Protein backbone atom coordinates (compact mmCIF):
# COMPACT_ATOMS: atom_id res chain seq x y z
CA MET A 1 -3.59 -0.49 -19.11
CA ASP A 2 -2.51 -2.23 -15.97
CA SER A 3 -3.83 -5.62 -17.44
CA ILE A 4 -0.30 -5.73 -19.39
CA LEU A 5 1.05 -7.36 -16.04
CA LYS A 6 -1.93 -9.51 -15.33
CA THR A 7 -1.38 -12.22 -18.14
CA ASN A 8 -2.32 -15.39 -16.09
CA ARG A 9 -3.95 -13.58 -13.14
CA ARG A 10 -7.33 -12.57 -14.34
CA GLY A 11 -7.47 -14.20 -17.76
CA ALA A 12 -10.66 -13.97 -19.27
CA TRP A 13 -11.77 -10.53 -18.15
CA LEU A 14 -8.81 -8.47 -19.27
CA ALA A 15 -10.28 -6.82 -21.81
CA LEU A 16 -13.23 -5.95 -19.60
CA ALA A 17 -11.31 -3.76 -17.41
CA CYS A 18 -10.30 -1.76 -20.53
CA LEU A 19 -13.99 -1.59 -21.70
CA ALA A 20 -15.26 -0.66 -18.32
CA ALA A 21 -13.03 2.20 -17.85
CA ALA A 22 -13.94 3.73 -21.17
CA ALA A 23 -17.51 3.34 -20.31
CA ALA A 24 -17.61 5.16 -17.08
CA PRO A 25 -16.82 8.68 -18.72
CA ALA A 26 -19.32 8.08 -21.29
CA ALA A 27 -22.02 7.50 -18.81
CA ALA A 28 -21.06 10.73 -17.25
CA GLU A 29 -21.69 12.83 -20.27
CA SER A 30 -25.54 12.02 -20.43
CA ASN A 31 -26.88 10.06 -17.56
CA PRO A 32 -25.00 10.06 -14.25
CA TYR A 33 -25.72 6.33 -13.76
CA TYR A 34 -24.86 3.02 -15.68
CA PHE A 35 -25.07 -0.31 -15.47
CA GLY A 36 -24.04 -3.61 -17.57
CA GLY A 37 -22.52 -7.08 -17.97
CA SER A 38 -20.05 -8.95 -19.86
CA LEU A 39 -19.15 -12.54 -21.03
CA GLY A 40 -15.90 -13.59 -21.91
CA LEU A 41 -13.66 -16.56 -22.88
CA SER A 42 -9.87 -16.54 -23.03
CA GLN A 43 -6.77 -18.97 -23.63
CA VAL A 44 -4.03 -18.64 -20.66
CA SER A 45 -0.79 -20.37 -21.08
CA ASN A 46 1.54 -21.09 -18.06
CA VAL A 47 -1.14 -20.47 -15.50
CA TYR A 48 1.21 -21.18 -12.67
CA ARG A 49 4.09 -19.32 -14.28
CA GLN A 50 6.49 -22.20 -13.95
CA ALA A 51 10.12 -21.95 -14.97
CA PHE A 52 10.86 -25.49 -16.35
CA SER A 53 7.19 -26.46 -17.51
CA SER A 54 3.95 -24.77 -18.29
CA ASN A 55 0.17 -25.27 -17.74
CA SER A 56 -2.35 -24.00 -19.94
CA ASP A 57 -6.04 -23.67 -19.54
CA THR A 58 -9.19 -22.02 -20.76
CA VAL A 59 -11.14 -19.60 -18.80
CA ALA A 60 -14.70 -18.33 -19.06
CA SER A 61 -15.82 -15.31 -17.27
CA ALA A 62 -19.26 -13.38 -16.46
CA SER A 63 -19.24 -10.06 -15.04
CA LEU A 64 -21.62 -7.36 -13.74
CA LEU A 65 -20.51 -3.73 -13.61
CA GLY A 66 -22.15 -0.41 -12.57
CA GLY A 67 -21.40 3.12 -11.47
CA PHE A 68 -22.47 6.72 -11.20
CA ASP A 69 -20.86 10.32 -11.39
CA GLN A 70 -23.13 12.93 -9.93
CA ARG A 71 -22.66 16.72 -9.53
CA LEU A 72 -24.11 17.96 -6.50
CA GLY A 73 -23.67 21.71 -6.59
CA ARG A 74 -19.96 22.37 -5.94
CA GLN A 75 -19.41 18.84 -5.26
CA ARG A 76 -18.88 15.70 -7.35
CA LEU A 77 -19.61 12.11 -6.09
CA TYR A 78 -18.61 9.09 -8.07
CA ALA A 79 -18.14 5.49 -7.90
CA ASP A 80 -17.49 2.38 -10.17
CA ALA A 81 -17.89 -1.19 -9.36
CA SER A 82 -17.64 -4.64 -11.05
CA VAL A 83 -17.99 -8.38 -10.14
CA GLN A 84 -16.33 -11.22 -11.95
CA GLY A 85 -17.06 -14.94 -11.93
CA ASN A 86 -14.02 -17.02 -13.50
CA ARG A 87 -14.14 -20.49 -14.14
CA TYR A 88 -11.24 -22.78 -15.35
CA ASN A 89 -11.63 -25.46 -17.62
CA ASP A 90 -8.93 -27.94 -15.96
CA ASN A 91 -7.75 -26.29 -12.99
CA LYS A 92 -11.04 -25.96 -11.27
CA GLN A 93 -9.47 -25.26 -7.93
CA LEU A 94 -8.69 -21.78 -9.31
CA ASP A 95 -12.23 -20.96 -9.90
CA ASN A 96 -12.76 -17.71 -8.11
CA HIS A 97 -14.88 -14.48 -7.78
CA ALA A 98 -13.21 -11.21 -8.03
CA TYR A 99 -14.60 -7.65 -7.58
CA SER A 100 -13.07 -4.12 -8.02
CA LEU A 101 -14.61 -0.95 -6.31
CA LYS A 102 -13.44 2.67 -6.40
CA GLY A 103 -15.06 6.05 -5.91
CA GLY A 104 -14.68 9.43 -4.59
CA LEU A 105 -16.02 12.77 -3.60
CA ASP A 106 -14.39 16.16 -4.88
CA TRP A 107 -15.44 18.98 -2.57
CA SER A 108 -15.00 22.87 -2.44
CA THR A 109 -16.36 25.71 -0.62
CA ILE A 110 -17.16 29.26 -1.52
CA GLU A 111 -14.00 30.45 0.15
CA ARG A 112 -10.38 28.86 -0.24
CA LEU A 113 -11.26 25.58 0.79
CA SER A 114 -11.24 22.33 -1.34
CA GLY A 115 -10.18 18.69 -1.39
CA SER A 116 -11.10 15.25 -2.26
CA PHE A 117 -11.54 11.77 -0.77
CA THR A 118 -10.78 8.78 -3.01
CA PHE A 119 -10.96 4.99 -2.19
CA ASN A 120 -10.57 1.53 -4.02
CA SER A 121 -10.63 -1.94 -3.12
CA SER A 122 -10.18 -5.04 -5.08
CA GLU A 123 -9.96 -8.80 -4.77
CA ALA A 124 -8.67 -11.24 -7.50
CA LEU A 125 -6.49 -14.36 -7.94
CA ALA A 126 -2.88 -13.48 -6.98
CA ASP A 127 0.25 -13.85 -9.49
CA TYR A 128 2.07 -17.06 -9.08
CA ASN A 129 5.96 -17.38 -8.96
CA VAL A 130 6.53 -13.87 -7.33
CA GLY A 131 10.26 -15.09 -6.13
CA ARG A 132 11.67 -13.56 -3.08
CA GLY A 133 11.84 -17.08 -1.21
CA VAL A 134 8.04 -17.42 -1.45
CA ASP A 135 7.21 -21.15 -1.83
CA GLN A 136 5.58 -22.08 -5.14
CA VAL A 137 1.86 -22.79 -4.75
CA PHE A 138 -0.55 -24.52 -7.01
CA LYS A 139 -3.90 -23.60 -5.35
CA LYS A 140 -6.35 -20.90 -5.27
CA ASN A 141 -4.54 -17.71 -3.81
CA ILE A 142 -6.74 -14.54 -3.44
CA GLU A 143 -5.00 -11.19 -3.11
CA ARG A 144 -7.00 -8.17 -1.53
CA ASN A 145 -5.96 -4.57 -1.94
CA ASP A 146 -7.43 -1.77 -0.11
CA ASN A 147 -6.44 1.98 -0.38
CA ALA A 148 -7.91 5.42 0.81
CA GLN A 149 -6.70 8.96 0.39
CA ALA A 150 -7.90 12.31 1.87
CA LEU A 151 -6.59 15.64 0.23
CA PHE A 152 -7.03 19.10 1.72
CA ARG A 153 -6.26 22.21 -0.02
CA VAL A 154 -6.09 25.76 1.38
CA GLY A 155 -5.77 28.83 -1.03
CA LEU A 156 -3.38 31.16 0.67
CA VAL A 157 -3.18 33.83 -2.09
CA THR A 158 -4.09 33.93 -5.60
CA ARG A 159 -1.25 31.75 -6.86
CA TYR A 160 -0.11 29.83 -3.75
CA SER A 161 -2.01 26.95 -2.01
CA ALA A 162 -1.02 24.80 0.94
CA GLU A 163 -2.08 20.98 0.54
CA ALA A 164 -2.19 18.18 3.05
CA ILE A 165 -2.53 14.41 2.05
CA ILE A 166 -3.24 11.38 4.27
CA SER A 167 -3.53 7.90 2.85
CA TYR A 168 -3.79 4.32 3.93
CA ARG A 169 -2.75 1.14 2.12
CA LYS A 170 -3.31 -2.66 2.92
CA ARG A 171 -2.66 -5.85 1.02
CA ASP A 172 -3.06 -9.46 2.33
CA PHE A 173 -3.21 -12.88 0.62
CA SER A 174 -5.42 -15.89 1.57
CA ALA A 175 -2.47 -18.50 1.10
CA PRO A 176 -0.08 -18.77 3.96
CA GLU A 177 2.99 -19.15 1.84
CA TYR A 178 2.45 -15.31 0.88
CA ASP A 179 2.19 -14.18 4.41
CA GLN A 180 5.53 -12.43 4.13
CA LEU A 181 4.08 -10.32 1.35
CA ASP A 182 1.16 -8.79 3.57
CA TYR A 183 1.66 -5.31 4.56
CA HIS A 184 -0.01 -2.11 5.61
CA GLN A 185 0.96 1.36 5.85
CA THR A 186 -0.27 5.11 6.53
CA ALA A 187 1.30 7.94 4.85
CA GLY A 188 1.03 11.79 5.43
CA SER A 189 2.45 14.82 3.51
CA LEU A 190 2.19 18.58 3.79
CA GLY A 191 3.37 20.84 1.00
CA LEU A 192 3.16 24.10 -0.70
CA VAL A 193 1.96 24.64 -4.33
CA TYR A 194 2.61 27.61 -6.67
CA ARG A 195 0.71 28.36 -10.04
CA PRO A 196 2.57 30.97 -11.95
CA SER A 197 -0.15 30.33 -14.71
CA GLN A 198 -2.97 28.17 -15.55
CA ASP A 199 -0.90 25.60 -17.48
CA LEU A 200 2.01 25.14 -14.64
CA ARG A 201 1.94 23.78 -11.48
CA LEU A 202 5.22 23.66 -9.04
CA GLY A 203 4.93 22.20 -5.55
CA VAL A 204 7.31 21.30 -2.72
CA ALA A 205 6.26 18.71 0.22
CA TYR A 206 7.51 16.63 3.08
CA ARG A 207 6.08 13.21 3.11
CA GLN A 208 6.43 10.37 5.75
CA THR A 209 5.24 6.71 5.45
CA ASP A 210 4.95 4.22 8.50
CA GLY A 211 4.30 0.62 7.48
CA VAL A 212 4.73 -2.84 8.49
CA TYR A 213 5.07 -6.33 7.20
CA PRO A 214 3.48 -8.47 9.95
CA HIS A 215 4.72 -11.93 8.85
CA TYR A 216 8.33 -11.81 7.46
CA PRO A 217 10.10 -14.94 7.59
CA LEU A 218 13.43 -15.95 8.94
CA PHE A 219 15.29 -18.78 7.19
CA PHE A 220 18.18 -20.81 8.15
CA GLY A 221 19.76 -23.39 6.01
CA GLY A 222 16.94 -22.77 3.38
CA VAL A 223 14.47 -23.65 6.02
CA GLN A 224 12.02 -21.01 7.55
CA ILE A 225 12.37 -21.13 11.47
CA ALA A 226 10.46 -18.22 12.77
CA SER A 227 8.61 -14.97 11.57
CA PHE A 228 9.04 -11.34 12.62
CA GLN A 229 7.27 -8.29 12.10
CA ASP A 230 9.25 -5.75 10.04
CA ASP A 231 8.56 -2.12 10.62
CA TYR A 232 9.65 0.34 7.88
CA LYS A 233 9.48 4.10 7.89
CA ARG A 234 10.09 6.48 4.71
CA LYS A 235 10.85 9.97 4.60
CA ASP A 236 10.56 11.86 1.23
CA ILE A 237 11.18 15.52 0.09
CA ASP A 238 9.07 15.90 -2.92
CA LEU A 239 9.30 18.13 -5.75
CA THR A 240 6.27 18.03 -8.21
CA THR A 241 5.33 19.79 -11.49
CA GLY A 242 2.23 19.59 -13.92
CA TRP A 243 2.49 21.22 -17.08
CA ASP A 244 -0.18 21.42 -19.77
CA ALA A 245 2.27 22.20 -22.64
CA SER A 246 -0.56 22.43 -25.04
CA GLY A 247 -4.06 21.07 -25.60
CA ALA A 248 -2.53 17.85 -26.92
CA SER A 249 0.24 17.38 -24.45
CA LYS A 250 0.23 17.07 -20.53
CA LEU A 251 3.27 16.17 -18.27
CA ASN A 252 3.10 15.38 -14.38
CA ALA A 253 6.24 14.45 -12.66
CA ARG A 254 7.99 14.14 -9.15
CA ILE A 255 11.29 13.97 -8.02
CA SER A 256 11.92 12.78 -4.34
CA TYR A 257 14.84 12.55 -2.15
CA THR A 258 13.97 9.27 -0.33
CA LYS A 259 15.27 7.52 2.74
CA THR A 260 13.76 4.08 3.84
CA GLU A 261 14.67 2.26 6.95
CA HIS A 262 13.49 -1.36 8.07
CA THR A 263 13.87 -2.88 11.29
CA VAL A 264 14.16 -6.57 10.00
CA ILE A 265 14.61 -6.48 6.14
CA THR A 266 17.73 -4.10 6.49
CA SER A 267 18.97 -5.17 3.04
CA SER A 268 16.15 -3.29 1.61
CA ASN A 269 17.14 -0.04 3.11
CA TYR A 270 17.47 2.88 0.54
CA SER A 271 18.69 6.29 0.38
CA GLY A 272 18.75 8.14 -2.97
CA PHE A 273 16.49 9.72 -5.55
CA THR A 274 13.03 8.11 -6.58
CA GLY A 275 10.69 9.59 -9.03
CA LEU A 276 7.61 9.19 -11.45
CA ILE A 277 6.76 10.89 -14.57
CA ASN A 278 3.48 10.62 -16.66
CA TRP A 279 2.96 12.07 -20.13
CA ASN A 280 -0.20 12.22 -22.10
CA TRP A 281 0.09 12.98 -25.89
CA GLN A 282 -2.65 13.27 -28.35
CA PRO A 283 -0.74 14.45 -31.65
CA THR A 284 -4.15 13.93 -33.55
CA GLY A 285 -7.95 13.04 -33.33
CA HIS A 286 -6.89 9.54 -33.94
CA TRP A 287 -3.84 8.84 -31.81
CA THR A 288 -3.38 8.84 -28.10
CA PHE A 289 -0.24 8.01 -26.25
CA PHE A 290 0.65 7.42 -22.78
CA THR A 291 4.28 7.32 -21.28
CA GLN A 292 5.06 6.33 -17.68
CA LEU A 293 8.45 6.13 -16.06
CA SER A 294 9.20 5.10 -12.47
CA ARG A 295 12.09 4.49 -10.04
CA GLU A 296 10.65 3.50 -6.72
CA THR A 297 11.11 1.23 -3.77
CA GLY A 298 9.02 -1.75 -2.92
CA GLN A 299 5.46 -1.21 -2.51
CA GLU A 300 5.50 2.33 -3.96
CA GLY A 301 5.90 1.03 -7.32
CA LEU A 302 3.87 1.15 -10.28
CA PRO A 303 0.23 -0.90 -10.11
CA GLY A 304 1.13 -4.42 -10.89
CA VAL A 305 4.66 -4.27 -9.87
CA THR A 306 4.60 -3.53 -6.19
CA ASP A 307 6.77 -6.11 -4.17
CA GLN A 308 9.67 -6.00 -1.50
CA SER A 309 12.21 -4.66 -3.99
CA ARG A 310 14.87 -2.39 -2.63
CA LEU A 311 14.63 -0.49 -6.02
CA THR A 312 12.50 -1.10 -9.16
CA THR A 313 12.80 0.79 -12.36
CA ALA A 314 9.93 0.63 -14.75
CA LEU A 315 8.74 1.95 -18.06
CA ARG A 316 5.21 1.78 -19.41
CA LEU A 317 4.10 2.78 -22.99
CA ASN A 318 0.51 2.66 -24.20
CA GLY A 319 -1.06 3.90 -27.41
CA THR A 320 -4.60 3.81 -28.90
CA TYR A 321 -5.50 4.36 -32.58
CA GLN A 322 -9.14 5.32 -33.53
CA LEU A 323 -9.39 3.46 -36.70
CA THR A 324 -13.26 4.37 -37.30
CA GLY A 325 -15.74 6.02 -35.35
CA LYS A 326 -16.67 2.54 -33.86
CA VAL A 327 -13.31 0.72 -33.84
CA SER A 328 -10.00 1.46 -31.97
CA LEU A 329 -6.80 -0.41 -31.82
CA ASN A 330 -4.40 -0.39 -28.85
CA ALA A 331 -0.98 -1.55 -27.77
CA GLY A 332 1.13 -1.45 -24.79
CA LEU A 333 4.83 -2.33 -23.72
CA PHE A 334 6.27 -2.65 -20.23
CA TYR A 335 9.67 -3.19 -19.03
CA SER A 336 10.83 -3.38 -15.51
CA ARG A 337 14.03 -4.29 -13.37
CA ALA A 338 13.73 -5.01 -9.62
CA ASP A 339 16.97 -5.13 -7.55
CA ARG A 340 15.98 -7.68 -4.99
CA ASN A 341 18.15 -7.94 -1.77
CA SER A 342 17.16 -11.55 -0.88
CA THR A 343 17.35 -12.29 2.99
CA ALA A 344 16.49 -15.83 2.13
CA PHE A 345 19.73 -16.34 -0.27
CA GLN A 346 21.99 -13.92 1.57
CA SER A 347 22.93 -12.44 -1.94
CA ARG A 348 21.45 -9.57 -4.14
CA ASP A 349 19.40 -10.66 -7.21
CA PHE A 350 17.13 -9.17 -9.80
CA ASP A 351 13.98 -9.87 -11.86
CA ARG A 352 13.57 -8.23 -15.39
CA ASP A 353 10.16 -8.17 -16.87
CA PHE A 354 9.09 -7.42 -20.49
CA ALA A 355 5.54 -7.53 -21.42
CA TYR A 356 3.33 -6.41 -24.56
CA ASN A 357 -0.42 -6.48 -25.20
CA LEU A 358 -2.46 -5.93 -28.36
CA GLY A 359 -5.89 -5.18 -28.36
CA ALA A 360 -9.16 -4.07 -30.67
CA ASN A 361 -12.46 -2.50 -29.77
CA TRP A 362 -15.55 -2.60 -31.57
CA ALA A 363 -18.62 -0.34 -30.32
CA TYR A 364 -21.46 -1.97 -32.29
CA SER A 365 -23.82 0.48 -30.61
CA ARG A 366 -23.84 2.74 -27.50
CA THR A 367 -24.85 -0.27 -25.54
CA TRP A 368 -23.12 -3.28 -27.09
CA SER A 369 -19.35 -3.62 -27.90
CA VAL A 370 -16.83 -6.44 -28.44
CA SER A 371 -13.14 -6.41 -27.23
CA CYS A 372 -10.13 -8.73 -27.73
CA LEU A 373 -6.71 -8.66 -26.13
CA LEU A 374 -3.52 -10.39 -26.40
CA ASN A 375 -0.96 -10.53 -23.52
CA HIS A 376 2.47 -11.85 -23.21
CA LEU A 377 5.12 -11.47 -20.25
CA ASP A 378 8.79 -12.64 -20.32
CA ARG A 379 10.62 -12.68 -17.02
CA ASP A 380 14.46 -13.10 -16.86
CA SER A 381 15.81 -13.71 -13.24
CA SER A 382 19.33 -14.24 -11.45
CA ILE A 383 17.50 -17.11 -9.92
CA PRO A 384 16.57 -19.69 -12.51
CA GLN A 385 13.24 -20.88 -10.93
CA TYR A 386 11.88 -17.31 -11.20
CA ALA A 387 12.27 -17.10 -14.89
CA PHE A 388 9.28 -17.87 -17.14
CA ASP A 389 7.13 -16.61 -19.97
CA THR A 390 3.32 -16.86 -19.99
CA GLY A 391 0.49 -15.19 -22.17
CA SER A 392 -3.26 -15.05 -22.86
CA PHE A 393 -5.73 -14.40 -25.54
CA GLY A 394 -9.32 -13.52 -25.06
CA CYS A 395 -12.36 -11.82 -26.23
CA ASN A 396 -15.58 -10.60 -24.60
CA VAL A 397 -18.88 -8.98 -25.33
CA GLN A 398 -20.00 -6.23 -23.15
CA ALA A 399 -23.41 -4.49 -22.62
CA VAL A 400 -23.63 -1.09 -20.84
CA PHE A 401 -26.84 0.56 -20.21
CA TYR A 402 -27.31 4.32 -19.17
């Protein structure tokens, strides 16, 4: 439920994201292809995330979506895509088109070679009031994210395998005021995995990341006088585990010793432990829970909270209750604290975010469904103009054909 953080970012099609994710597996069970569309309407408060005033609006959206999940012998090829058009009633300068594309290939040979390739690309209206000395803007600002990853696995003996991972990530914004948040990076890791049983996986790996912020600003007296390229290098020793405790409980975790060094933003240098824990739990056929805990640096944080923080700790809780065969209820909580070493203010500051969402889905038929979602986000900050609260409520109707 990444939409828990997107309160005023995508407004009307928050519920669509949840429905689209749910639709894809259903499509794969019977027909490898699916396509559909959606219409939505939502009310968004504090569109620009202003600290001392607010700006509410009504947003209408229309979306097209489609995808496939196809087995080709030992291989699996899949992709999902959606395109949205969003129209604001009052803030018409924010009218925008957004898209999301993701896919991948899982492959294996008769021998001991296997792996995967995954990619995703998205474009949408960016968050406002991001802090970090970035000027507040009141215009359309589009954020684009591109990610790709390739994994190669070689089975050494029955219980051991070697894994190599190569990845690339890029983010940029259309508004020049956000140039300092643009970045791109490449990463590679090499590790060994041991499986003492089908239910337990243990791994160790060395990982290195090289990246760059190409437009980091230099301030003097509160005024930007120049910009520099900030190169950073991160090195990790990763300890990982995956444990299927039972058919109803699955745990994945990573603990890393991390060292990050920047050439310009030296206040964001970090040396210490980072990590991530994911826990899926389904105690009954009606209840499903997901818990995620993260302690990470900057752009390696959880989706929706990536930034230039020196260290961010985040907790996400999501739950779904299958009320009937056609009606499900869902809720989520999110909390994060970002330790921001600000070169703009020459001091250490912080942001604390608390968010929640409540939603309901009604699958009228295999084709038609209705979804409603309520979101709210409160931010407390050591810098008053970065504190705000915002929220949205919206519903949409979706049709998916298989």
